[in-house]
Amino acid sequence: TGDGSDGRNSQDHASLGGKILRVTPDGKPAPGNPDPRSPVWT
């Protein structure tokens, strides 16, 4: 994902912007993610 023209998104853990996400084939947060409740990988 990109930051959507707002760099604050990249450091906002509540935002999906400015991230690499890791999800299951159904779109759920993948097992082993840093936060098991979140799709955010980096």
PDB file of all heavy atoms in Angstrom:
ATOM      1  N   THR A   1       0.834  -1.198   0.000  1.00  0.00           N
ATOM      2  CA  THR A   1       0.000   0.000   0.000  1.00  0.00           C
ATOM      3  C   THR A   1       0.870   1.249   0.000  1.00  0.00           C
ATOM      4  O   THR A   1       2.026   1.222   0.425  1.00  0.00           O
ATOM      5  CB  THR A   1      -0.938   0.031   1.223  1.00  0.00           C
ATOM      6  OG1 THR A   1      -0.205   0.398   2.401  1.00  0.00           O
ATOM      7  CG2 THR A   1      -1.610  -1.323   1.440  1.00  0.00           C
ATOM      8  N   GLY A   2       0.315   2.349  -0.484  1.00  0.00           N
ATOM      9  CA  GLY A   2       0.991   3.632  -0.420  1.00  0.00           C
ATOM     10  C   GLY A   2       0.460   4.457   0.735  1.00  0.00           C
ATOM     11  O   GLY A   2      -0.530   4.100   1.379  1.00  0.00           O
ATOM     12  N   ASP A   3       1.105   5.587   0.975  1.00  0.00           N
ATOM     13  CA  ASP A   3       0.670   6.421   2.099  1.00  0.00           C
ATOM     14  C   ASP A   3      -0.533   7.289   1.759  1.00  0.00           C
ATOM     15  O   ASP A   3      -1.002   8.055   2.599  1.00  0.00           O
ATOM     16  CB  ASP A   3       1.822   7.263   2.641  1.00  0.00           C
ATOM     17  CG  ASP A   3       2.325   8.327   1.650  1.00  0.00           C
ATOM     18  OD1 ASP A   3       1.680   8.559   0.602  1.00  0.00           O
ATOM     19  OD2 ASP A   3       3.386   8.917   1.917  1.00  0.00           O
ATOM     20  N   GLY A   4      -1.046   7.174   0.515  1.00  0.00           N
ATOM     21  CA  GLY A   4      -2.218   7.958   0.137  1.00  0.00           C
ATOM     22  C   GLY A   4      -1.989   9.446   0.218  1.00  0.00           C
ATOM     23  O   GLY A   4      -2.893  10.218   0.547  1.00  0.00           O
ATOM     24  N   SER A   5      -0.745   9.875  -0.081  1.00  0.00           N
ATOM     25  CA  SER A   5      -0.355  11.297  -0.066  1.00  0.00           C
ATOM     26  C   SER A   5      -0.317  11.901   1.329  1.00  0.00           C
ATOM     27  O   SER A   5      -0.235  13.118   1.471  1.00  0.00           O
ATOM     28  CB  SER A   5      -1.293  12.136  -0.957  1.00  0.00           C
ATOM     29  OG  SER A   5      -1.269  11.685  -2.280  1.00  0.00           O
ATOM     30  N   ASP A   6      -0.363  11.069   2.343  1.00  0.00           N
ATOM     31  CA  ASP A   6      -0.287  11.556   3.725  1.00  0.00           C
ATOM     32  C   ASP A   6       0.708  10.678   4.477  1.00  0.00           C
ATOM     33  O   ASP A   6       0.394   9.559   4.881  1.00  0.00           O
ATOM     34  CB  ASP A   6      -1.661  11.497   4.391  1.00  0.00           C
ATOM     35  CG  ASP A   6      -1.675  12.128   5.775  1.00  0.00           C
ATOM     36  OD1 ASP A   6      -0.585  12.393   6.327  1.00  0.00           O
ATOM     37  OD2 ASP A   6      -2.776  12.346   6.314  1.00  0.00           O
ATOM     38  N   GLY A   7       1.931  11.194   4.636  1.00  0.00           N
ATOM     39  CA  GLY A   7       2.982  10.414   5.267  1.00  0.00           C
ATOM     40  C   GLY A   7       2.661   9.977   6.678  1.00  0.00           C
ATOM     41  O   GLY A   7       3.228   8.998   7.173  1.00  0.00           O
ATOM     42  N   ARG A   8       1.735  10.647   7.333  1.00  0.00           N
ATOM     43  CA  ARG A   8       1.374  10.254   8.699  1.00  0.00           C
ATOM     44  C   ARG A   8       0.779   8.853   8.733  1.00  0.00           C
ATOM     45  O   ARG A   8       0.895   8.145   9.744  1.00  0.00           O
ATOM     46  CB  ARG A   8       0.390  11.266   9.284  1.00  0.00           C
ATOM     47  CG  ARG A   8       0.977  12.652   9.519  1.00  0.00           C
ATOM     48  CD  ARG A   8      -0.087  13.645   9.921  1.00  0.00           C
ATOM     49  NE  ARG A   8      -1.081  13.839   8.860  1.00  0.00           N
ATOM     50  CZ  ARG A   8      -2.097  14.670   8.944  1.00  0.00           C
ATOM     51  NH1 ARG A   8      -2.266  15.404  10.054  1.00  0.00           N
ATOM     52  NH2 ARG A   8      -2.961  14.792   7.945  1.00  0.00           N
ATOM     53  N   ASN A   9       0.151   8.435   7.628  1.00  0.00           N
ATOM     54  CA  ASN A   9      -0.432   7.092   7.598  1.00  0.00           C
ATOM     55  C   ASN A   9       0.627   6.010   7.790  1.00  0.00           C
ATOM     56  O   ASN A   9       0.358   4.956   8.370  1.00  0.00           O
ATOM     57  CB  ASN A   9      -1.141   6.856   6.261  1.00  0.00           C
ATOM     58  CG  ASN A   9      -2.436   7.626   6.139  1.00  0.00           C
ATOM     59  OD1 ASN A   9      -3.129   7.847   7.125  1.00  0.00           O
ATOM     60  ND2 ASN A   9      -2.763   8.042   4.921  1.00  0.00           N
ATOM     61  N   SER A  10       1.838   6.269   7.292  1.00  0.00           N
ATOM     62  CA  SER A  10       2.883   5.245   7.311  1.00  0.00           C
ATOM     63  C   SER A  10       3.320   4.887   8.716  1.00  0.00           C
ATOM     64  O   SER A  10       3.778   3.768   8.970  1.00  0.00           O
ATOM     65  CB  SER A  10       4.091   5.724   6.492  1.00  0.00           C
ATOM     66  OG  SER A  10       3.705   6.035   5.170  1.00  0.00           O
ATOM     67  N   GLN A  11       3.211   5.842   9.647  1.00  0.00           N
ATOM     68  CA  GLN A  11       3.598   5.604  11.045  1.00  0.00           C
ATOM     69  C   GLN A  11       2.387   5.371  11.957  1.00  0.00           C
ATOM     70  O   GLN A  11       2.559   5.152  13.157  1.00  0.00           O
ATOM     71  CB  GLN A  11       4.419   6.783  11.566  1.00  0.00           C
ATOM     72  CG  GLN A  11       5.769   6.948  10.890  1.00  0.00           C
ATOM     73  CD  GLN A  11       6.695   5.787  11.173  1.00  0.00           C
ATOM     74  OE1 GLN A  11       6.672   5.199  12.252  1.00  0.00           O
ATOM     75  NE2 GLN A  11       7.515   5.416  10.185  1.00  0.00           N
ATOM     76  N   ASP A  12       1.194   5.392  11.380  1.00  0.00           N
ATOM     77  CA  ASP A  12      -0.039   5.198  12.143  1.00  0.00           C
ATOM     78  C   ASP A  12      -0.414   3.720  12.082  1.00  0.00           C
ATOM     79  O   ASP A  12      -0.819   3.216  11.033  1.00  0.00           O
ATOM     80  CB  ASP A  12      -1.144   6.066  11.557  1.00  0.00           C
ATOM     81  CG  ASP A  12      -2.464   5.942  12.320  1.00  0.00           C
ATOM     82  OD1 ASP A  12      -2.554   5.101  13.236  1.00  0.00           O
ATOM     83  OD2 ASP A  12      -3.414   6.674  11.971  1.00  0.00           O
ATOM     84  N   HIS A  13      -0.289   3.020  13.186  1.00  0.00           N
ATOM     85  CA  HIS A  13      -0.548   1.581  13.190  1.00  0.00           C
ATOM     86  C   HIS A  13      -2.025   1.262  12.989  1.00  0.00           C
ATOM     87  O   HIS A  13      -2.369   0.105  12.719  1.00  0.00           O
ATOM     88  CB  HIS A  13      -0.020   0.959  14.481  1.00  0.00           C
ATOM     89  CG  HIS A  13       1.470   1.011  14.598  1.00  0.00           C
ATOM     90  ND1 HIS A  13       2.302   0.255  13.801  1.00  0.00           N
ATOM     91  CD2 HIS A  13       2.276   1.761  15.388  1.00  0.00           C
ATOM     92  CE1 HIS A  13       3.561   0.511  14.104  1.00  0.00           C
ATOM     93  NE2 HIS A  13       3.577   1.422  15.060  1.00  0.00           N
ATOM     94  N   ALA A  14      -2.889   2.281  13.121  1.00  0.00           N
ATOM     95  CA  ALA A  14      -4.310   2.066  12.876  1.00  0.00           C
ATOM     96  C   ALA A  14      -4.670   2.234  11.403  1.00  0.00           C
ATOM     97  O   ALA A  14      -5.797   1.930  11.005  1.00  0.00           O
ATOM     98  CB  ALA A  14      -5.146   3.020  13.726  1.00  0.00           C
ATOM     99  N   SER A  15      -3.724   2.706  10.615  1.00  0.00           N
ATOM    100  CA  SER A  15      -3.965   2.932   9.182  1.00  0.00           C
ATOM    101  C   SER A  15      -3.333   1.805   8.374  1.00  0.00           C
ATOM    102  O   SER A  15      -2.256   1.299   8.719  1.00  0.00           O
ATOM    103  CB  SER A  15      -3.367   4.273   8.753  1.00  0.00           C
ATOM    104  OG  SER A  15      -3.422   4.413   7.334  1.00  0.00           O
ATOM    105  N   LEU A  16      -3.976   1.443   7.256  1.00  0.00           N
ATOM    106  CA  LEU A  16      -3.413   0.456   6.333  1.00  0.00           C
ATOM    107  C   LEU A  16      -2.533   1.110   5.277  1.00  0.00           C
ATOM    108  O   LEU A  16      -1.985   0.416   4.430  1.00  0.00           O
ATOM    109  CB  LEU A  16      -4.537  -0.341   5.655  1.00  0.00           C
ATOM    110  CG  LEU A  16      -5.434  -1.165   6.583  1.00  0.00           C
ATOM    111  CD1 LEU A  16      -6.448  -1.969   5.765  1.00  0.00           C
ATOM    112  CD2 LEU A  16      -4.620  -2.076   7.482  1.00  0.00           C
ATOM    113  N   GLY A  17      -2.399   2.425   5.317  1.00  0.00           N
ATOM    114  CA  GLY A  17      -1.586   3.143   4.345  1.00  0.00           C
ATOM    115  C   GLY A  17      -0.115   3.107   4.699  1.00  0.00           C
ATOM    116  O   GLY A  17       0.270   3.142   5.874  1.00  0.00           O
ATOM    117  N   GLY A  18       0.746   3.037   3.656  1.00  0.00           N
ATOM    118  CA  GLY A  18       2.184   3.032   3.863  1.00  0.00           C
ATOM    119  C   GLY A  18       2.675   1.768   4.537  1.00  0.00           C
ATOM    120  O   GLY A  18       3.599   1.795   5.346  1.00  0.00           O
ATOM    121  N   LYS A  19       2.075   0.636   4.159  1.00  0.00           N
ATOM    122  CA  LYS A  19       2.371  -0.637   4.806  1.00  0.00           C
ATOM    123  C   LYS A  19       2.575  -1.743   3.764  1.00  0.00           C
ATOM    124  O   LYS A  19       2.248  -1.588   2.587  1.00  0.00           O
ATOM    125  CB  LYS A  19       1.207  -1.068   5.718  1.00  0.00           C
ATOM    126  CG  LYS A  19       0.701  -0.028   6.692  1.00  0.00           C
ATOM    127  CD  LYS A  19       1.706   0.303   7.768  1.00  0.00           C
ATOM    128  CE  LYS A  19       1.092   1.084   8.919  1.00  0.00           C
ATOM    129  NZ  LYS A  19       0.487   2.376   8.535  1.00  0.00           N
ATOM    130  N   ILE A  20       3.112  -2.867   4.211  1.00  0.00           N
ATOM    131  CA  ILE A  20       2.962  -4.139   3.522  1.00  0.00           C
ATOM    132  C   ILE A  20       2.068  -4.987   4.407  1.00  0.00           C
ATOM    133  O   ILE A  20       2.343  -5.147   5.607  1.00  0.00           O
ATOM    134  CB  ILE A  20       4.305  -4.827   3.257  1.00  0.00           C
ATOM    135  CG1 ILE A  20       5.151  -3.990   2.282  1.00  0.00           C
ATOM    136  CG2 ILE A  20       4.083  -6.229   2.673  1.00  0.00           C
ATOM    137  CD1 ILE A  20       6.538  -4.547   2.032  1.00  0.00           C
ATOM    138  N   LEU A  21       0.997  -5.495   3.821  1.00  0.00           N
ATOM    139  CA  LEU A  21       0.035  -6.305   4.556  1.00  0.00           C
ATOM    140  C   LEU A  21       0.268  -7.784   4.252  1.00  0.00           C
ATOM    141  O   LEU A  21       0.709  -8.143   3.158  1.00  0.00           O
ATOM    142  CB  LEU A  21      -1.401  -5.925   4.166  1.00  0.00           C
ATOM    143  CG  LEU A  21      -1.749  -4.440   4.163  1.00  0.00           C
ATOM    144  CD1 LEU A  21      -3.204  -4.255   3.748  1.00  0.00           C
ATOM    145  CD2 LEU A  21      -1.476  -3.797   5.513  1.00  0.00           C
ATOM    146  N   ARG A  22      -0.053  -8.619   5.217  1.00  0.00           N
ATOM    147  CA  ARG A  22       0.022 -10.078   5.050  1.00  0.00           C
ATOM    148  C   ARG A  22      -1.291 -10.668   5.550  1.00  0.00           C
ATOM    149  O   ARG A  22      -1.606 -10.565   6.745  1.00  0.00           O
ATOM    150  CB  ARG A  22       1.214 -10.639   5.820  1.00  0.00           C
ATOM    151  CG  ARG A  22       1.371 -12.158   5.766  1.00  0.00           C
ATOM    152  CD  ARG A  22       2.655 -12.557   6.500  1.00  0.00           C
ATOM    153  NE  ARG A  22       2.841 -14.002   6.597  1.00  0.00           N
ATOM    154  CZ  ARG A  22       2.464 -14.740   7.648  1.00  0.00           C
ATOM    155  NH1 ARG A  22       1.872 -14.157   8.675  1.00  0.00           N
ATOM    156  NH2 ARG A  22       2.674 -16.039   7.652  1.00  0.00           N
ATOM    157  N   VAL A  23      -2.033 -11.271   4.636  1.00  0.00           N
ATOM    158  CA  VAL A  23      -3.352 -11.780   4.972  1.00  0.00           C
ATOM    159  C   VAL A  23      -3.518 -13.201   4.444  1.00  0.00           C
ATOM    160  O   VAL A  23      -2.768 -13.658   3.575  1.00  0.00           O
ATOM    161  CB  VAL A  23      -4.480 -10.880   4.401  1.00  0.00           C
ATOM    162  CG1 VAL A  23      -4.403  -9.478   4.998  1.00  0.00           C
ATOM    163  CG2 VAL A  23      -4.422 -10.806   2.878  1.00  0.00           C
ATOM    164  N   THR A  24      -4.514 -13.891   4.959  1.00  0.00           N
ATOM    165  CA  THR A  24      -4.871 -15.206   4.453  1.00  0.00           C
ATOM    166  C   THR A  24      -5.559 -15.042   3.096  1.00  0.00           C
ATOM    167  O   THR A  24      -5.935 -13.926   2.708  1.00  0.00           O
ATOM    168  CB  THR A  24      -5.827 -15.913   5.411  1.00  0.00           C
ATOM    169  OG1 THR A  24      -7.092 -15.217   5.403  1.00  0.00           O
ATOM    170  CG2 THR A  24      -5.266 -15.949   6.831  1.00  0.00           C
ATOM    171  N   PRO A  25      -5.763 -16.120   2.350  1.00  0.00           N
ATOM    172  CA  PRO A  25      -6.475 -16.007   1.077  1.00  0.00           C
ATOM    173  C   PRO A  25      -7.889 -15.444   1.211  1.00  0.00           C
ATOM    174  O   PRO A  25      -8.464 -14.990   0.223  1.00  0.00           O
ATOM    175  CB  PRO A  25      -6.492 -17.450   0.557  1.00  0.00           C
ATOM    176  CG  PRO A  25      -5.250 -18.058   1.132  1.00  0.00           C
ATOM    177  CD  PRO A  25      -5.145 -17.464   2.505  1.00  0.00           C
ATOM    178  N   ASP A  26      -8.444 -15.450   2.436  1.00  0.00           N
ATOM    179  CA  ASP A  26      -9.753 -14.856   2.679  1.00  0.00           C
ATOM    180  C   ASP A  26      -9.664 -13.417   3.173  1.00  0.00           C
ATOM    181  O   ASP A  26     -10.691 -12.798   3.465  1.00  0.00           O
ATOM    182  CB  ASP A  26     -10.531 -15.688   3.704  1.00  0.00           C
ATOM    183  CG  ASP A  26     -10.912 -17.057   3.160  1.00  0.00           C
ATOM    184  OD1 ASP A  26     -11.203 -17.153   1.950  1.00  0.00           O
ATOM    185  OD2 ASP A  26     -10.897 -18.023   3.940  1.00  0.00           O
ATOM    186  N   GLY A  27      -8.448 -12.889   3.314  1.00  0.00           N
ATOM    187  CA  GLY A  27      -8.282 -11.500   3.710  1.00  0.00           C
ATOM    188  C   GLY A  27      -8.171 -11.254   5.199  1.00  0.00           C
ATOM    189  O   GLY A  27      -8.135 -10.099   5.633  1.00  0.00           O
ATOM    190  N   LYS A  28      -8.063 -12.296   5.991  1.00  0.00           N
ATOM    191  CA  LYS A  28      -7.926 -12.139   7.437  1.00  0.00           C
ATOM    192  C   LYS A  28      -6.456 -11.930   7.805  1.00  0.00           C
ATOM    193  O   LYS A  28      -5.565 -12.355   7.071  1.00  0.00           O
ATOM    194  CB  LYS A  28      -8.465 -13.373   8.160  1.00  0.00           C
ATOM    195  CG  LYS A  28      -9.888 -13.751   7.802  1.00  0.00           C
ATOM    196  CD  LYS A  28     -10.870 -12.667   8.175  1.00  0.00           C
ATOM    197  CE  LYS A  28     -12.304 -13.113   7.877  1.00  0.00           C
ATOM    198  NZ  LYS A  28     -13.279 -12.012   8.174  1.00  0.00           N
ATOM    199  N   PRO A  29      -6.183 -11.279   8.948  1.00  0.00           N
ATOM    200  CA  PRO A  29      -4.790 -11.190   9.402  1.00  0.00           C
ATOM    201  C   PRO A  29      -4.166 -12.579   9.449  1.00  0.00           C
ATOM    202  O   PRO A  29      -4.747 -13.514   9.998  1.00  0.00           O
ATOM    203  CB  PRO A  29      -4.914 -10.564  10.791  1.00  0.00           C
ATOM    204  CG  PRO A  29      -6.171  -9.749  10.723  1.00  0.00           C
ATOM    205  CD  PRO A  29      -7.109 -10.556   9.863  1.00  0.00           C
ATOM    206  N   ALA A  30      -2.984 -12.714   8.857  1.00  0.00           N
ATOM    207  CA  ALA A  30      -2.372 -14.030   8.727  1.00  0.00           C
ATOM    208  C   ALA A  30      -1.753 -14.484  10.047  1.00  0.00           C
ATOM    209  O   ALA A  30      -1.225 -13.664  10.808  1.00  0.00           O
ATOM    210  CB  ALA A  30      -1.311 -14.008   7.635  1.00  0.00           C
ATOM    211  N   PRO A  31      -1.805 -15.778  10.334  1.00  0.00           N
ATOM    212  CA  PRO A  31      -1.127 -16.293  11.528  1.00  0.00           C
ATOM    213  C   PRO A  31       0.357 -15.945  11.496  1.00  0.00           C
ATOM    214  O   PRO A  31       1.012 -16.037  10.464  1.00  0.00           O
ATOM    215  CB  PRO A  31      -1.336 -17.809  11.411  1.00  0.00           C
ATOM    216  CG  PRO A  31      -2.539 -17.982  10.552  1.00  0.00           C
ATOM    217  CD  PRO A  31      -2.498 -16.843   9.573  1.00  0.00           C
ATOM    218  N   GLY A  32       0.891 -15.514  12.628  1.00  0.00           N
ATOM    219  CA  GLY A  32       2.300 -15.150  12.709  1.00  0.00           C
ATOM    220  C   GLY A  32       2.579 -13.688  12.445  1.00  0.00           C
ATOM    221  O   GLY A  32       3.750 -13.270  12.487  1.00  0.00           O
ATOM    222  N   ASN A  33       1.550 -12.881  12.154  1.00  0.00           N
ATOM    223  CA  ASN A  33       1.772 -11.447  11.991  1.00  0.00           C
ATOM    224  C   ASN A  33       2.259 -10.835  13.311  1.00  0.00           C
ATOM    225  O   ASN A  33       1.959 -11.353  14.393  1.00  0.00           O
ATOM    226  CB  ASN A  33       0.478 -10.747  11.552  1.00  0.00           C
ATOM    227  CG  ASN A  33       0.232 -10.874  10.062  1.00  0.00           C
ATOM    228  OD1 ASN A  33       0.982 -11.534   9.350  1.00  0.00           O
ATOM    229  ND2 ASN A  33      -0.829 -10.251   9.590  1.00  0.00           N
ATOM    230  N   PRO A  34       3.014  -9.719  13.215  1.00  0.00           N
ATOM    231  CA  PRO A  34       3.516  -9.081  14.453  1.00  0.00           C
ATOM    232  C   PRO A  34       2.408  -8.789  15.461  1.00  0.00           C
ATOM    233  O   PRO A  34       2.596  -8.983  16.664  1.00  0.00           O
ATOM    234  CB  PRO A  34       4.171  -7.805  13.929  1.00  0.00           C
ATOM    235  CG  PRO A  34       4.637  -8.174  12.551  1.00  0.00           C
ATOM    236  CD  PRO A  34       3.569  -9.079  12.007  1.00  0.00           C
ATOM    237  N   ASP A  35       1.265  -8.297  14.992  1.00  0.00           N
ATOM    238  CA  ASP A  35       0.076  -8.136  15.815  1.00  0.00           C
ATOM    239  C   ASP A  35      -0.965  -9.096  15.251  1.00  0.00           C
ATOM    240  O   ASP A  35      -1.432  -8.919  14.129  1.00  0.00           O
ATOM    241  CB  ASP A  35      -0.443  -6.701  15.752  1.00  0.00           C
ATOM    242  CG  ASP A  35      -1.702  -6.470  16.582  1.00  0.00           C
ATOM    243  OD1 ASP A  35      -2.337  -7.465  17.006  1.00  0.00           O
ATOM    244  OD2 ASP A  35      -2.068  -5.301  16.791  1.00  0.00           O
ATOM    245  N   PRO A  36      -1.324 -10.147  15.984  1.00  0.00           N
ATOM    246  CA  PRO A  36      -2.228 -11.156  15.432  1.00  0.00           C
ATOM    247  C   PRO A  36      -3.594 -10.616  15.042  1.00  0.00           C
ATOM    248  O   PRO A  36      -4.321 -11.268  14.284  1.00  0.00           O
ATOM    249  CB  PRO A  36      -2.335 -12.189  16.565  1.00  0.00           C
ATOM    250  CG  PRO A  36      -1.926 -11.467  17.802  1.00  0.00           C
ATOM    251  CD  PRO A  36      -0.913 -10.451  17.358  1.00  0.00           C
ATOM    252  N   ARG A  37      -3.929  -9.418  15.512  1.00  0.00           N
ATOM    253  CA  ARG A  37      -5.230  -8.819  15.171  1.00  0.00           C
ATOM    254  C   ARG A  37      -5.156  -7.947  13.930  1.00  0.00           C
ATOM    255  O   ARG A  37      -6.180  -7.448  13.471  1.00  0.00           O
ATOM    256  CB  ARG A  37      -5.731  -7.981  16.353  1.00  0.00           C
ATOM    257  CG  ARG A  37      -5.904  -8.751  17.658  1.00  0.00           C
ATOM    258  CD  ARG A  37      -6.000  -7.804  18.828  1.00  0.00           C
ATOM    259  NE  ARG A  37      -4.763  -7.019  18.958  1.00  0.00           N
ATOM    260  CZ  ARG A  37      -4.571  -6.063  19.859  1.00  0.00           C
ATOM    261  NH1 ARG A  37      -5.538  -5.774  20.716  1.00  0.00           N
ATOM    262  NH2 ARG A  37      -3.434  -5.409  19.910  1.00  0.00           N
ATOM    263  N   SER A  38      -3.944  -7.727  13.419  1.00  0.00           N
ATOM    264  CA  SER A  38      -3.745  -6.766  12.340  1.00  0.00           C
ATOM    265  C   SER A  38      -3.163  -7.436  11.102  1.00  0.00           C
ATOM    266  O   SER A  38      -2.337  -8.348  11.215  1.00  0.00           O
ATOM    267  CB  SER A  38      -2.794  -5.658  12.807  1.00  0.00           C
ATOM    268  OG  SER A  38      -2.396  -4.824  11.734  1.00  0.00           O
ATOM    269  N   PRO A  39      -3.536  -6.961   9.900  1.00  0.00           N
ATOM    270  CA  PRO A  39      -2.914  -7.465   8.683  1.00  0.00           C
ATOM    271  C   PRO A  39      -1.540  -6.871   8.406  1.00  0.00           C
ATOM    272  O   PRO A  39      -0.873  -7.273   7.451  1.00  0.00           O
ATOM    273  CB  PRO A  39      -3.903  -7.048   7.595  1.00  0.00           C
ATOM    274  CG  PRO A  39      -4.507  -5.785   8.108  1.00  0.00           C
ATOM    275  CD  PRO A  39      -4.609  -5.985   9.605  1.00  0.00           C
ATOM    276  N   VAL A  40      -1.076  -5.908   9.219  1.00  0.00           N
ATOM    277  CA  VAL A  40       0.172  -5.193   8.942  1.00  0.00           C
ATOM    278  C   VAL A  40       1.367  -6.101   9.175  1.00  0.00           C
ATOM    279  O   VAL A  40       1.527  -6.677  10.250  1.00  0.00           O
ATOM    280  CB  VAL A  40       0.272  -3.914   9.788  1.00  0.00           C
ATOM    281  CG1 VAL A  40       1.642  -3.269   9.617  1.00  0.00           C
ATOM    282  CG2 VAL A  40      -0.839  -2.933   9.401  1.00  0.00           C
ATOM    283  N   TRP A  41       2.223  -6.199   8.161  1.00  0.00           N
ATOM    284  CA  TRP A  41       3.467  -6.970   8.231  1.00  0.00           C
ATOM    285  C   TRP A  41       4.641  -6.038   8.502  1.00  0.00           C
ATOM    286  O   TRP A  41       5.467  -6.297   9.360  1.00  0.00           O
ATOM    287  CB  TRP A  41       3.641  -7.719   6.922  1.00  0.00           C
ATOM    288  CG  TRP A  41       4.759  -8.722   6.840  1.00  0.00           C
ATOM    289  CD1 TRP A  41       5.813  -8.720   5.979  1.00  0.00           C
ATOM    290  CD2 TRP A  41       4.915  -9.925   7.619  1.00  0.00           C
ATOM    291  NE1 TRP A  41       6.612  -9.824   6.156  1.00  0.00           N
ATOM    292  CE2 TRP A  41       6.084 -10.584   7.167  1.00  0.00           C
ATOM    293  CE3 TRP A  41       4.183 -10.498   8.651  1.00  0.00           C
ATOM    294  CZ2 TRP A  41       6.546 -11.780   7.706  1.00  0.00           C
ATOM    295  CZ3 TRP A  41       4.637 -11.694   9.203  1.00  0.00           C
ATOM    296  CH2 TRP A  41       5.801 -12.318   8.731  1.00  0.00           C
ATOM    297  N   THR A  42       4.722  -4.922   7.741  1.00  0.00           N
ATOM    298  CA  THR A  42       5.742  -3.898   7.955  1.00  0.00           C
ATOM    299  C   THR A  42       5.123  -2.523   7.759  1.00  0.00           C
ATOM    300  O   THR A  42       4.077  -2.381   7.118  1.00  0.00           O
ATOM    301  CB  THR A  42       6.944  -4.055   6.996  1.00  0.00           C
ATOM    302  OG1 THR A  42       6.467  -4.031   5.644  1.00  0.00           O
ATOM    303  CG2 THR A  42       7.679  -5.361   7.254  1.00  0.00           C
TER     304      THR A  42
END
